[in-house]
Structures are given as structure tokens and as C-alpha cells.
Amino acid sequence: WVAEMFLSGPSLEKRKREAERQRGITPEIKRYEEIKVGVITTSVGI
């Protein structure tokens, strides 16, 4: 984690995208997760 502290913004973003790609997290999956979290949060609010 020490190395991540010293990474620049683009390098950190690139490393994050690579880690997500290796785990199989695509932008489409992230989109569905975001909608799911939104529905849950709205339901909790109600």
C-alpha cells in the first residue's frame, strides 16, 4: 500500500482498472451494481 500512496492519479486509476479487469468487473457490471445500490438505498429511505 506504500507504493500506491506515491502513484500519480493516472497510474493509480490504471492499476485500479487492471485489478477490476482481472476480477471480471466490467463497466456494465458496475452499472448494474450501482442501480442495485440505488434501489436498496431508496427503499431504506422510504
All heavy atoms as atom14 arrays in JSON, in Angstrom:
{
  "sequence": "WVAEMFLSGPSLEKRKREAERQRGITPEIKRYEEIKVGVITTSVGI",
  "atom14_mask": [
    [1, 1, 1, 1, 1, 1, 1, 1, 1, 1, 1, 1, 1, 1],
    [1, 1, 1, 1, 1, 1, 1, 0, 0, 0, 0, 0, 0, 0],
    [1, 1, 1, 1, 1, 0, 0, 0, 0, 0, 0, 0, 0, 0],
    [1, 1, 1, 1, 1, 1, 1, 1, 1, 0, 0, 0, 0, 0],
    [1, 1, 1, 1, 1, 1, 1, 1, 0, 0, 0, 0, 0, 0],
    [1, 1, 1, 1, 1, 1, 1, 1, 1, 1, 1, 0, 0, 0],
    [1, 1, 1, 1, 1, 1, 1, 1, 0, 0, 0, 0, 0, 0],
    [1, 1, 1, 1, 1, 1, 0, 0, 0, 0, 0, 0, 0, 0],
    [1, 1, 1, 1, 0, 0, 0, 0, 0, 0, 0, 0, 0, 0],
    [1, 1, 1, 1, 1, 1, 1, 0, 0, 0, 0, 0, 0, 0],
    [1, 1, 1, 1, 1, 1, 0, 0, 0, 0, 0, 0, 0, 0],
    [1, 1, 1, 1, 1, 1, 1, 1, 0, 0, 0, 0, 0, 0],
    [1, 1, 1, 1, 1, 1, 1, 1, 1, 0, 0, 0, 0, 0],
    [1, 1, 1, 1, 1, 1, 1, 1, 1, 0, 0, 0, 0, 0],
    [1, 1, 1, 1, 1, 1, 1, 1, 1, 1, 1, 0, 0, 0],
    [1, 1, 1, 1, 1, 1, 1, 1, 1, 0, 0, 0, 0, 0],
    [1, 1, 1, 1, 1, 1, 1, 1, 1, 1, 1, 0, 0, 0],
    [1, 1, 1, 1, 1, 1, 1, 1, 1, 0, 0, 0, 0, 0],
    [1, 1, 1, 1, 1, 0, 0, 0, 0, 0, 0, 0, 0, 0],
    [1, 1, 1, 1, 1, 1, 1, 1, 1, 0, 0, 0, 0, 0],
    [1, 1, 1, 1, 1, 1, 1, 1, 1, 1, 1, 0, 0, 0],
    [1, 1, 1, 1, 1, 1, 1, 1, 1, 0, 0, 0, 0, 0],
    [1, 1, 1, 1, 1, 1, 1, 1, 1, 1, 1, 0, 0, 0],
    [1, 1, 1, 1, 0, 0, 0, 0, 0, 0, 0, 0, 0, 0],
    [1, 1, 1, 1, 1, 1, 1, 1, 0, 0, 0, 0, 0, 0],
    [1, 1, 1, 1, 1, 1, 1, 0, 0, 0, 0, 0, 0, 0],
    [1, 1, 1, 1, 1, 1, 1, 0, 0, 0, 0, 0, 0, 0],
    [1, 1, 1, 1, 1, 1, 1, 1, 1, 0, 0, 0, 0, 0],
    [1, 1, 1, 1, 1, 1, 1, 1, 0, 0, 0, 0, 0, 0],
    [1, 1, 1, 1, 1, 1, 1, 1, 1, 0, 0, 0, 0, 0],
    [1, 1, 1, 1, 1, 1, 1, 1, 1, 1, 1, 0, 0, 0],
    [1, 1, 1, 1, 1, 1, 1, 1, 1, 1, 1, 1, 0, 0],
    [1, 1, 1, 1, 1, 1, 1, 1, 1, 0, 0, 0, 0, 0],
    [1, 1, 1, 1, 1, 1, 1, 1, 1, 0, 0, 0, 0, 0],
    [1, 1, 1, 1, 1, 1, 1, 1, 0, 0, 0, 0, 0, 0],
    [1, 1, 1, 1, 1, 1, 1, 1, 1, 0, 0, 0, 0, 0],
    [1, 1, 1, 1, 1, 1, 1, 0, 0, 0, 0, 0, 0, 0],
    [1, 1, 1, 1, 0, 0, 0, 0, 0, 0, 0, 0, 0, 0],
    [1, 1, 1, 1, 1, 1, 1, 0, 0, 0, 0, 0, 0, 0],
    [1, 1, 1, 1, 1, 1, 1, 1, 0, 0, 0, 0, 0, 0],
    [1, 1, 1, 1, 1, 1, 1, 0, 0, 0, 0, 0, 0, 0],
    [1, 1, 1, 1, 1, 1, 1, 0, 0, 0, 0, 0, 0, 0],
    [1, 1, 1, 1, 1, 1, 0, 0, 0, 0, 0, 0, 0, 0],
    [1, 1, 1, 1, 1, 1, 1, 0, 0, 0, 0, 0, 0, 0],
    [1, 1, 1, 1, 0, 0, 0, 0, 0, 0, 0, 0, 0, 0],
    [1, 1, 1, 1, 1, 1, 1, 1, 0, 0, 0, 0, 0, 0]
  ],
  "atom14_positions": [
    [[0.83, -1.21, 0.0], [0.0, 0.0, 0.0], [0.86, 1.25, 0.0], [0.42, 2.31, -0.41], [-0.95, 0.0, 1.19], [-0.24, -0.02, 2.52], [0.17, -1.12, 3.21], [0.17, 1.12, 3.28], [0.8, -0.74, 4.35], [0.83, 0.64, 4.43], [0.06, 2.48, 3.1], [1.35, 1.47, 5.39], [0.6, 3.31, 4.08], [1.22, 2.81, 5.2]],
    [[2.11, 1.12, 0.43], [3.01, 2.28, 0.44], [3.26, 2.75, -0.99], [3.28, 3.95, -1.27], [4.33, 1.92, 1.15], [5.31, 3.07, 1.08], [4.06, 1.52, 2.58], [0.0, 0.0, 0.0], [0.0, 0.0, 0.0], [0.0, 0.0, 0.0], [0.0, 0.0, 0.0], [0.0, 0.0, 0.0], [0.0, 0.0, 0.0], [0.0, 0.0, 0.0]],
    [[3.43, 1.81, -1.91], [3.67, 2.17, -3.3], [2.46, 2.88, -3.9], [2.61, 3.8, -4.7], [4.0, 0.92, -4.12], [0.0, 0.0, 0.0], [0.0, 0.0, 0.0], [0.0, 0.0, 0.0], [0.0, 0.0, 0.0], [0.0, 0.0, 0.0], [0.0, 0.0, 0.0], [0.0, 0.0, 0.0], [0.0, 0.0, 0.0], [0.0, 0.0, 0.0]],
    [[1.27, 2.48, -3.5], [0.07, 3.12, -4.02], [-0.06, 4.56, -3.56], [-0.64, 5.39, -4.24], [-1.18, 2.33, -3.62], [-1.3, 1.01, -4.34], [-2.6, 0.31, -4.05], [-3.52, 0.93, -3.47], [-2.7, -0.87, -4.39], [0.0, 0.0, 0.0], [0.0, 0.0, 0.0], [0.0, 0.0, 0.0], [0.0, 0.0, 0.0], [0.0, 0.0, 0.0]],
    [[0.52, 4.87, -2.4], [0.47, 6.25, -1.91], [1.25, 7.18, -2.83], [0.9, 8.34, -2.98], [1.07, 6.34, -0.5], [0.17, 5.8, 0.56], [0.74, 6.01, 2.27], [2.32, 6.7, 2.2], [0.0, 0.0, 0.0], [0.0, 0.0, 0.0], [0.0, 0.0, 0.0], [0.0, 0.0, 0.0], [0.0, 0.0, 0.0], [0.0, 0.0, 0.0]],
    [[2.3, 6.67, -3.44], [3.17, 7.51, -4.24], [2.82, 7.49, -5.73], [3.48, 8.15, -6.51], [4.64, 7.11, -4.05], [5.11, 7.33, -2.64], [5.37, 6.27, -1.81], [5.26, 8.61, -2.16], [5.78, 6.49, -0.51], [5.68, 8.84, -0.87], [5.95, 7.77, -0.03], [0.0, 0.0, 0.0], [0.0, 0.0, 0.0], [0.0, 0.0, 0.0]],
    [[1.82, 6.73, -6.11], [1.42, 6.69, -7.52], [0.67, 7.96, -7.89], [-0.06, 8.53, -7.09], [0.51, 5.49, -7.78], [1.18, 4.13, -7.79], [0.13, 3.05, -7.97], [2.21, 4.02, -8.87], [0.0, 0.0, 0.0], [0.0, 0.0, 0.0], [0.0, 0.0, 0.0], [0.0, 0.0, 0.0], [0.0, 0.0, 0.0], [0.0, 0.0, 0.0]],
    [[0.87, 8.39, -9.11], [0.13, 9.56, -9.59], [-1.31, 9.15, -9.88], [-1.64, 7.97, -9.93], [0.79, 10.12, -10.85], [0.73, 9.17, -11.88], [0.0, 0.0, 0.0], [0.0, 0.0, 0.0], [0.0, 0.0, 0.0], [0.0, 0.0, 0.0], [0.0, 0.0, 0.0], [0.0, 0.0, 0.0], [0.0, 0.0, 0.0], [0.0, 0.0, 0.0]],
    [[-2.16, 10.12, -10.1], [-3.58, 9.86, -10.35], [-3.82, 8.91, -11.51], [-4.52, 7.9, -11.35], [0.0, 0.0, 0.0], [0.0, 0.0, 0.0], [0.0, 0.0, 0.0], [0.0, 0.0, 0.0], [0.0, 0.0, 0.0], [0.0, 0.0, 0.0], [0.0, 0.0, 0.0], [0.0, 0.0, 0.0], [0.0, 0.0, 0.0], [0.0, 0.0, 0.0]],
    [[-3.24, 9.17, -12.68], [-3.47, 8.26, -13.81], [-2.91, 6.85, -13.56], [-3.53, 5.87, -13.95], [-2.73, 8.94, -14.98], [-2.64, 10.38, -14.6], [-2.57, 10.4, -13.1], [0.0, 0.0, 0.0], [0.0, 0.0, 0.0], [0.0, 0.0, 0.0], [0.0, 0.0, 0.0], [0.0, 0.0, 0.0], [0.0, 0.0, 0.0], [0.0, 0.0, 0.0]],
    [[-1.77, 6.76, -12.91], [-1.19, 5.44, -12.63], [-2.06, 4.66, -11.66], [-2.27, 3.46, -11.82], [0.21, 5.58, -12.04], [1.06, 6.22, -12.94], [0.0, 0.0, 0.0], [0.0, 0.0, 0.0], [0.0, 0.0, 0.0], [0.0, 0.0, 0.0], [0.0, 0.0, 0.0], [0.0, 0.0, 0.0], [0.0, 0.0, 0.0], [0.0, 0.0, 0.0]],
    [[-2.58, 5.35, -10.66], [-3.45, 4.7, -9.69], [-4.75, 4.24, -10.34], [-5.23, 3.14, -10.1], [-3.74, 5.67, -8.55], [-4.41, 5.09, -7.31], [-3.54, 4.0, -6.7], [-4.65, 6.18, -6.3], [0.0, 0.0, 0.0], [0.0, 0.0, 0.0], [0.0, 0.0, 0.0], [0.0, 0.0, 0.0], [0.0, 0.0, 0.0], [0.0, 0.0, 0.0]],
    [[-5.29, 5.08, -11.22], [-6.52, 4.72, -11.93], [-6.28, 3.53, -12.86], [-7.12, 2.63, -12.97], [-7.02, 5.93, -12.73], [-8.37, 5.74, -13.35], [-9.48, 5.57, -12.34], [-9.39, 6.11, -11.23], [-10.45, 4.86, -12.67], [0.0, 0.0, 0.0], [0.0, 0.0, 0.0], [0.0, 0.0, 0.0], [0.0, 0.0, 0.0], [0.0, 0.0, 0.0]],
    [[-5.13, 3.51, -13.51], [-4.79, 2.4, -14.4], [-4.65, 1.1, -13.61], [-5.15, 0.06, -14.04], [-3.48, 2.72, -15.13], [-3.07, 1.68, -16.13], [-1.79, 2.08, -16.84], [-1.35, 1.03, -17.82], [-0.06, 1.37, -18.44], [0.0, 0.0, 0.0], [0.0, 0.0, 0.0], [0.0, 0.0, 0.0], [0.0, 0.0, 0.0], [0.0, 0.0, 0.0]],
    [[-4.01, 1.15, -12.44], [-3.86, -0.04, -11.61], [-5.22, -0.52, -11.12], [-5.49, -1.73, -11.09], [-2.96, 0.28, -10.43], [-2.78, -0.9, -9.5], [-1.89, -0.55, -8.36], [-0.54, -0.92, -8.71], [0.44, -0.99, -7.84], [0.24, -0.7, -6.59], [1.65, -1.35, -8.22], [0.0, 0.0, 0.0], [0.0, 0.0, 0.0], [0.0, 0.0, 0.0]],
    [[-6.1, 0.41, -10.77], [-7.44, 0.05, -10.3], [-8.24, -0.62, -11.42], [-8.9, -1.64, -11.2], [-8.15, 1.31, -9.81], [-9.53, 1.07, -9.27], [-10.15, 2.38, -8.84], [-11.61, 2.19, -8.49], [-12.27, 3.45, -8.2], [0.0, 0.0, 0.0], [0.0, 0.0, 0.0], [0.0, 0.0, 0.0], [0.0, 0.0, 0.0], [0.0, 0.0, 0.0]],
    [[-8.17, -0.07, -12.64], [-8.89, -0.67, -13.77], [-8.35, -2.06, -14.09], [-9.11, -2.97, -14.41], [-8.76, 0.23, -15.0], [-9.72, 1.38, -15.02], [-9.82, 2.01, -16.39], [-8.54, 2.29, -16.99], [-7.94, 3.48, -16.98], [-8.53, 4.5, -16.42], [-6.76, 3.65, -17.54], [0.0, 0.0, 0.0], [0.0, 0.0, 0.0], [0.0, 0.0, 0.0]],
    [[-7.03, -2.24, -13.99], [-6.42, -3.55, -14.27], [-6.87, -4.57, -13.22], [-7.18, -5.72, -13.56], [-4.9, -3.43, -14.28], [-4.18, -4.71, -14.56], [-4.49, -5.29, -15.93], [-4.83, -4.55, -16.86], [-4.38, -6.53, -16.07], [0.0, 0.0, 0.0], [0.0, 0.0, 0.0], [0.0, 0.0, 0.0], [0.0, 0.0, 0.0], [0.0, 0.0, 0.0]],
    [[-6.93, -4.16, -11.96], [-7.39, -5.07, -10.9], [-8.86, -5.45, -11.12], [-9.24, -6.61, -10.95], [-7.2, -4.43, -9.53], [0.0, 0.0, 0.0], [0.0, 0.0, 0.0], [0.0, 0.0, 0.0], [0.0, 0.0, 0.0], [0.0, 0.0, 0.0], [0.0, 0.0, 0.0], [0.0, 0.0, 0.0], [0.0, 0.0, 0.0], [0.0, 0.0, 0.0]],
    [[-9.68, -4.49, -11.52], [-11.09, -4.79, -11.79], [-11.23, -5.71, -12.99], [-12.08, -6.59, -13.0], [-11.86, -3.48, -12.03], [-12.08, -2.67, -10.77], [-12.75, -1.35, -11.06], [-12.85, -0.94, -12.24], [-13.16, -0.69, -10.09], [0.0, 0.0, 0.0], [0.0, 0.0, 0.0], [0.0, 0.0, 0.0], [0.0, 0.0, 0.0], [0.0, 0.0, 0.0]],
    [[-10.4, -5.5, -14.01], [-10.46, -6.36, -15.19], [-10.1, -7.8, -14.83], [-10.72, -8.74, -15.3], [-9.52, -5.83, -16.27], [-9.64, -6.57, -17.59], [-8.56, -6.19, -18.55], [-7.24, -6.55, -18.08], [-6.72, -7.79, -18.1], [-7.44, -8.78, -18.55], [-5.51, -8.03, -17.66], [0.0, 0.0, 0.0], [0.0, 0.0, 0.0], [0.0, 0.0, 0.0]],
    [[-9.1, -7.96, -13.97], [-8.69, -9.31, -13.57], [-9.78, -10.0, -12.75], [-9.91, -11.21, -12.79], [-7.39, -9.25, -12.77], [-6.19, -8.94, -13.64], [-4.91, -8.79, -12.84], [-4.93, -8.74, -11.61], [-3.8, -8.73, -13.53], [0.0, 0.0, 0.0], [0.0, 0.0, 0.0], [0.0, 0.0, 0.0], [0.0, 0.0, 0.0], [0.0, 0.0, 0.0]],
    [[-10.54, -9.23, -11.99], [-11.63, -9.81, -11.2], [-12.89, -9.99, -12.03], [-13.88, -10.53, -11.55], [-11.93, -8.92, -10.0], [-10.85, -8.95, -8.95], [-11.31, -8.28, -7.66], [-12.02, -7.04, -7.87], [-11.62, -5.85, -7.46], [-10.5, -5.74, -6.82], [-12.35, -4.78, -7.68], [0.0, 0.0, 0.0], [0.0, 0.0, 0.0], [0.0, 0.0, 0.0]],
    [[-12.9, -9.51, -13.27], [-14.06, -9.68, -14.15], [-15.12, -8.61, -13.97], [-16.27, -8.81, -14.35], [0.0, 0.0, 0.0], [0.0, 0.0, 0.0], [0.0, 0.0, 0.0], [0.0, 0.0, 0.0], [0.0, 0.0, 0.0], [0.0, 0.0, 0.0], [0.0, 0.0, 0.0], [0.0, 0.0, 0.0], [0.0, 0.0, 0.0], [0.0, 0.0, 0.0]],
    [[-14.75, -7.48, -13.39], [-15.71, -6.39, -13.18], [-15.66, -5.47, -14.39], [-14.7, -4.75, -14.6], [-15.39, -5.62, -11.89], [-15.46, -6.56, -10.69], [-16.35, -4.46, -11.71], [-15.02, -5.93, -9.4], [0.0, 0.0, 0.0], [0.0, 0.0, 0.0], [0.0, 0.0, 0.0], [0.0, 0.0, 0.0], [0.0, 0.0, 0.0], [0.0, 0.0, 0.0]],
    [[-16.7, -5.51, -15.17], [-16.79, -4.67, -16.37], [-17.61, -3.43, -16.04], [-18.32, -3.39, -15.03], [-17.46, -5.44, -17.52], [-18.8, -5.75, -17.14], [-16.7, -6.72, -17.85], [0.0, 0.0, 0.0], [0.0, 0.0, 0.0], [0.0, 0.0, 0.0], [0.0, 0.0, 0.0], [0.0, 0.0, 0.0], [0.0, 0.0, 0.0], [0.0, 0.0, 0.0]],
    [[-17.56, -2.4, -16.89], [-18.39, -1.22, -16.66], [-19.89, -1.56, -16.61], [-20.65, -0.93, -15.88], [-18.06, -0.31, -17.84], [-16.68, -0.68, -18.22], [-16.59, -2.15, -17.97], [0.0, 0.0, 0.0], [0.0, 0.0, 0.0], [0.0, 0.0, 0.0], [0.0, 0.0, 0.0], [0.0, 0.0, 0.0], [0.0, 0.0, 0.0], [0.0, 0.0, 0.0]],
    [[-20.31, -2.57, -17.36], [-21.72, -2.96, -17.35], [-22.1, -3.56, -15.99], [-23.17, -3.26, -15.45], [-21.98, -3.98, -18.47], [-23.43, -4.22, -18.76], [-24.15, -3.0, -19.31], [-23.53, -2.18, -19.99], [-25.36, -2.88, -19.03], [0.0, 0.0, 0.0], [0.0, 0.0, 0.0], [0.0, 0.0, 0.0], [0.0, 0.0, 0.0], [0.0, 0.0, 0.0]],
    [[-21.22, -4.37, -15.43], [-21.49, -4.94, -14.1], [-21.52, -3.84, -13.05], [-22.38, -3.83, -12.17], [-20.43, -6.01, -13.76], [-20.62, -7.23, -14.67], [-20.5, -6.42, -12.3], [-19.56, -8.28, -14.55], [0.0, 0.0, 0.0], [0.0, 0.0, 0.0], [0.0, 0.0, 0.0], [0.0, 0.0, 0.0], [0.0, 0.0, 0.0], [0.0, 0.0, 0.0]],
    [[-20.57, -2.89, -13.16], [-20.55, -1.77, -12.21], [-21.83, -0.95, -12.31], [-22.35, -0.46, -11.31], [-19.32, -0.9, -12.47], [-18.05, -1.55, -11.99], [-16.77, -0.9, -12.4], [-16.65, 0.55, -12.26], [-15.32, 1.07, -12.6], [0.0, 0.0, 0.0], [0.0, 0.0, 0.0], [0.0, 0.0, 0.0], [0.0, 0.0, 0.0], [0.0, 0.0, 0.0]],
    [[-22.35, -0.83, -13.52], [-23.6, -0.07, -13.74], [-24.76, -0.76, -13.03], [-25.55, -0.12, -12.34], [-23.85, 0.04, -15.24], [-25.14, 0.71, -15.59], [-25.27, 0.85, -17.11], [-26.57, 1.36, -17.42], [-27.52, 0.64, -17.99], [-27.3, -0.6, -18.37], [-28.69, 1.17, -18.24], [0.0, 0.0, 0.0], [0.0, 0.0, 0.0], [0.0, 0.0, 0.0]],
    [[-24.88, -2.08, -13.21], [-25.97, -2.81, -12.56], [-25.83, -2.77, -11.03], [-26.82, -2.66, -10.32], [-26.03, -4.25, -13.05], [-26.54, -4.37, -14.46], [-25.85, -5.1, -15.41], [-27.74, -3.76, -14.83], [-26.32, -5.19, -16.71], [-28.22, -3.87, -16.13], [-27.5, -4.58, -17.07], [-27.98, -4.67, -18.34], [0.0, 0.0, 0.0], [0.0, 0.0, 0.0]],
    [[-24.6, -2.84, -10.55], [-24.37, -2.75, -9.11], [-24.8, -1.39, -8.58], [-25.37, -1.29, -7.5], [-22.89, -3.01, -8.78], [-22.45, -4.43, -8.97], [-23.1, -5.38, -7.97], [-23.28, -4.99, -6.8], [-23.44, -6.5, -8.36], [0.0, 0.0, 0.0], [0.0, 0.0, 0.0], [0.0, 0.0, 0.0], [0.0, 0.0, 0.0], [0.0, 0.0, 0.0]],
    [[-24.52, -0.36, -9.33], [-24.89, 0.99, -8.91], [-26.41, 1.15, -8.86], [-26.95, 1.73, -7.92], [-24.29, 2.01, -9.87], [-24.41, 3.42, -9.42], [-23.61, 4.37, -10.29], [-23.37, 4.05, -11.48], [-23.23, 5.43, -9.78], [0.0, 0.0, 0.0], [0.0, 0.0, 0.0], [0.0, 0.0, 0.0], [0.0, 0.0, 0.0], [0.0, 0.0, 0.0]],
    [[-27.1, 0.6, -9.86], [-28.56, 0.65, -9.86], [-29.11, -0.13, -8.67], [-30.03, 0.32, -7.98], [-29.13, 0.12, -11.19], [-28.74, 1.06, -12.34], [-30.64, -0.05, -11.12], [-29.04, 0.52, -13.72], [0.0, 0.0, 0.0], [0.0, 0.0, 0.0], [0.0, 0.0, 0.0], [0.0, 0.0, 0.0], [0.0, 0.0, 0.0], [0.0, 0.0, 0.0]],
    [[-28.52, -1.3, -8.4], [-28.97, -2.12, -7.27], [-28.78, -1.38, -5.94], [-29.69, -1.36, -5.1], [-28.2, -3.44, -7.26], [-28.64, -4.4, -6.16], [-28.02, -5.76, -6.31], [-26.59, -5.73, -5.84], [-25.97, -7.06, -5.79], [0.0, 0.0, 0.0], [0.0, 0.0, 0.0], [0.0, 0.0, 0.0], [0.0, 0.0, 0.0], [0.0, 0.0, 0.0]],
    [[-27.63, -0.75, -5.76], [-27.38, 0.02, -4.54], [-28.36, 1.18, -4.44], [-28.85, 1.5, -3.35], [-25.91, 0.51, -4.5], [-25.69, 1.52, -3.4], [-24.97, -0.66, -4.34], [0.0, 0.0, 0.0], [0.0, 0.0, 0.0], [0.0, 0.0, 0.0], [0.0, 0.0, 0.0], [0.0, 0.0, 0.0], [0.0, 0.0, 0.0], [0.0, 0.0, 0.0]],
    [[-28.67, 1.81, -5.56], [-29.64, 2.91, -5.56], [-31.01, 2.45, -5.13], [-31.7, 3.13, -4.35], [0.0, 0.0, 0.0], [0.0, 0.0, 0.0], [0.0, 0.0, 0.0], [0.0, 0.0, 0.0], [0.0, 0.0, 0.0], [0.0, 0.0, 0.0], [0.0, 0.0, 0.0], [0.0, 0.0, 0.0], [0.0, 0.0, 0.0], [0.0, 0.0, 0.0]],
    [[-31.45, 1.3, -5.62], [-32.77, 0.78, -5.25], [-32.8, 0.45, -3.75], [-33.77, 0.78, -3.04], [-33.12, -0.47, -6.1], [-34.33, -1.19, -5.55], [-33.34, -0.07, -7.55], [0.0, 0.0, 0.0], [0.0, 0.0, 0.0], [0.0, 0.0, 0.0], [0.0, 0.0, 0.0], [0.0, 0.0, 0.0], [0.0, 0.0, 0.0], [0.0, 0.0, 0.0]],
    [[-31.72, -0.16, -3.25], [-31.66, -0.51, -1.83], [-31.67, 0.75, -0.97], [-32.41, 0.85, 0.02], [-30.41, -1.37, -1.54], [-30.57, -2.74, -2.2], [-30.18, -1.52, -0.04], [-29.3, -3.58, -2.19], [0.0, 0.0, 0.0], [0.0, 0.0, 0.0], [0.0, 0.0, 0.0], [0.0, 0.0, 0.0], [0.0, 0.0, 0.0], [0.0, 0.0, 0.0]],
    [[-30.87, 1.75, -1.35], [-30.81, 2.99, -0.58], [-32.15, 3.72, -0.59], [-32.59, 4.25, 0.43], [-29.69, 3.9, -1.12], [-28.48, 3.16, -1.19], [-29.48, 5.1, -0.24], [0.0, 0.0, 0.0], [0.0, 0.0, 0.0], [0.0, 0.0, 0.0], [0.0, 0.0, 0.0], [0.0, 0.0, 0.0], [0.0, 0.0, 0.0], [0.0, 0.0, 0.0]],
    [[-32.81, 3.74, -1.73], [-34.13, 4.37, -1.82], [-35.13, 3.65, -0.93], [-35.91, 4.29, -0.21], [-34.63, 4.37, -3.28], [-33.65, 5.03, -4.09], [-35.95, 5.08, -3.43], [0.0, 0.0, 0.0], [0.0, 0.0, 0.0], [0.0, 0.0, 0.0], [0.0, 0.0, 0.0], [0.0, 0.0, 0.0], [0.0, 0.0, 0.0], [0.0, 0.0, 0.0]],
    [[-35.09, 2.34, -0.95], [-36.0, 1.55, -0.12], [-35.73, 1.79, 1.37], [-36.67, 1.91, 2.17], [-35.84, 0.06, -0.42], [-36.09, -0.18, -1.78], [0.0, 0.0, 0.0], [0.0, 0.0, 0.0], [0.0, 0.0, 0.0], [0.0, 0.0, 0.0], [0.0, 0.0, 0.0], [0.0, 0.0, 0.0], [0.0, 0.0, 0.0], [0.0, 0.0, 0.0]],
    [[-34.46, 1.9, 1.74], [-34.13, 2.17, 3.14], [-34.64, 3.55, 3.53], [-35.16, 3.74, 4.64], [-32.59, 2.06, 3.35], [-32.18, 2.65, 4.68], [-32.15, 0.62, 3.25], [0.0, 0.0, 0.0], [0.0, 0.0, 0.0], [0.0, 0.0, 0.0], [0.0, 0.0, 0.0], [0.0, 0.0, 0.0], [0.0, 0.0, 0.0], [0.0, 0.0, 0.0]],
    [[-34.52, 4.52, 2.63], [-35.02, 5.86, 2.93], [-36.52, 5.87, 3.15], [-37.02, 6.51, 4.09], [0.0, 0.0, 0.0], [0.0, 0.0, 0.0], [0.0, 0.0, 0.0], [0.0, 0.0, 0.0], [0.0, 0.0, 0.0], [0.0, 0.0, 0.0], [0.0, 0.0, 0.0], [0.0, 0.0, 0.0], [0.0, 0.0, 0.0], [0.0, 0.0, 0.0]],
    [[-37.25, 5.16, 2.3], [-38.72, 5.09, 2.46], [-39.08, 4.38, 3.77], [-39.93, 4.86, 4.53], [-39.35, 4.37, 1.24], [-39.2, 5.22, -0.01], [-40.82, 4.05, 1.51], [-39.59, 4.51, -1.3], [0.0, 0.0, 0.0], [0.0, 0.0, 0.0], [0.0, 0.0, 0.0], [0.0, 0.0, 0.0], [0.0, 0.0, 0.0], [0.0, 0.0, 0.0]]
  ]
}
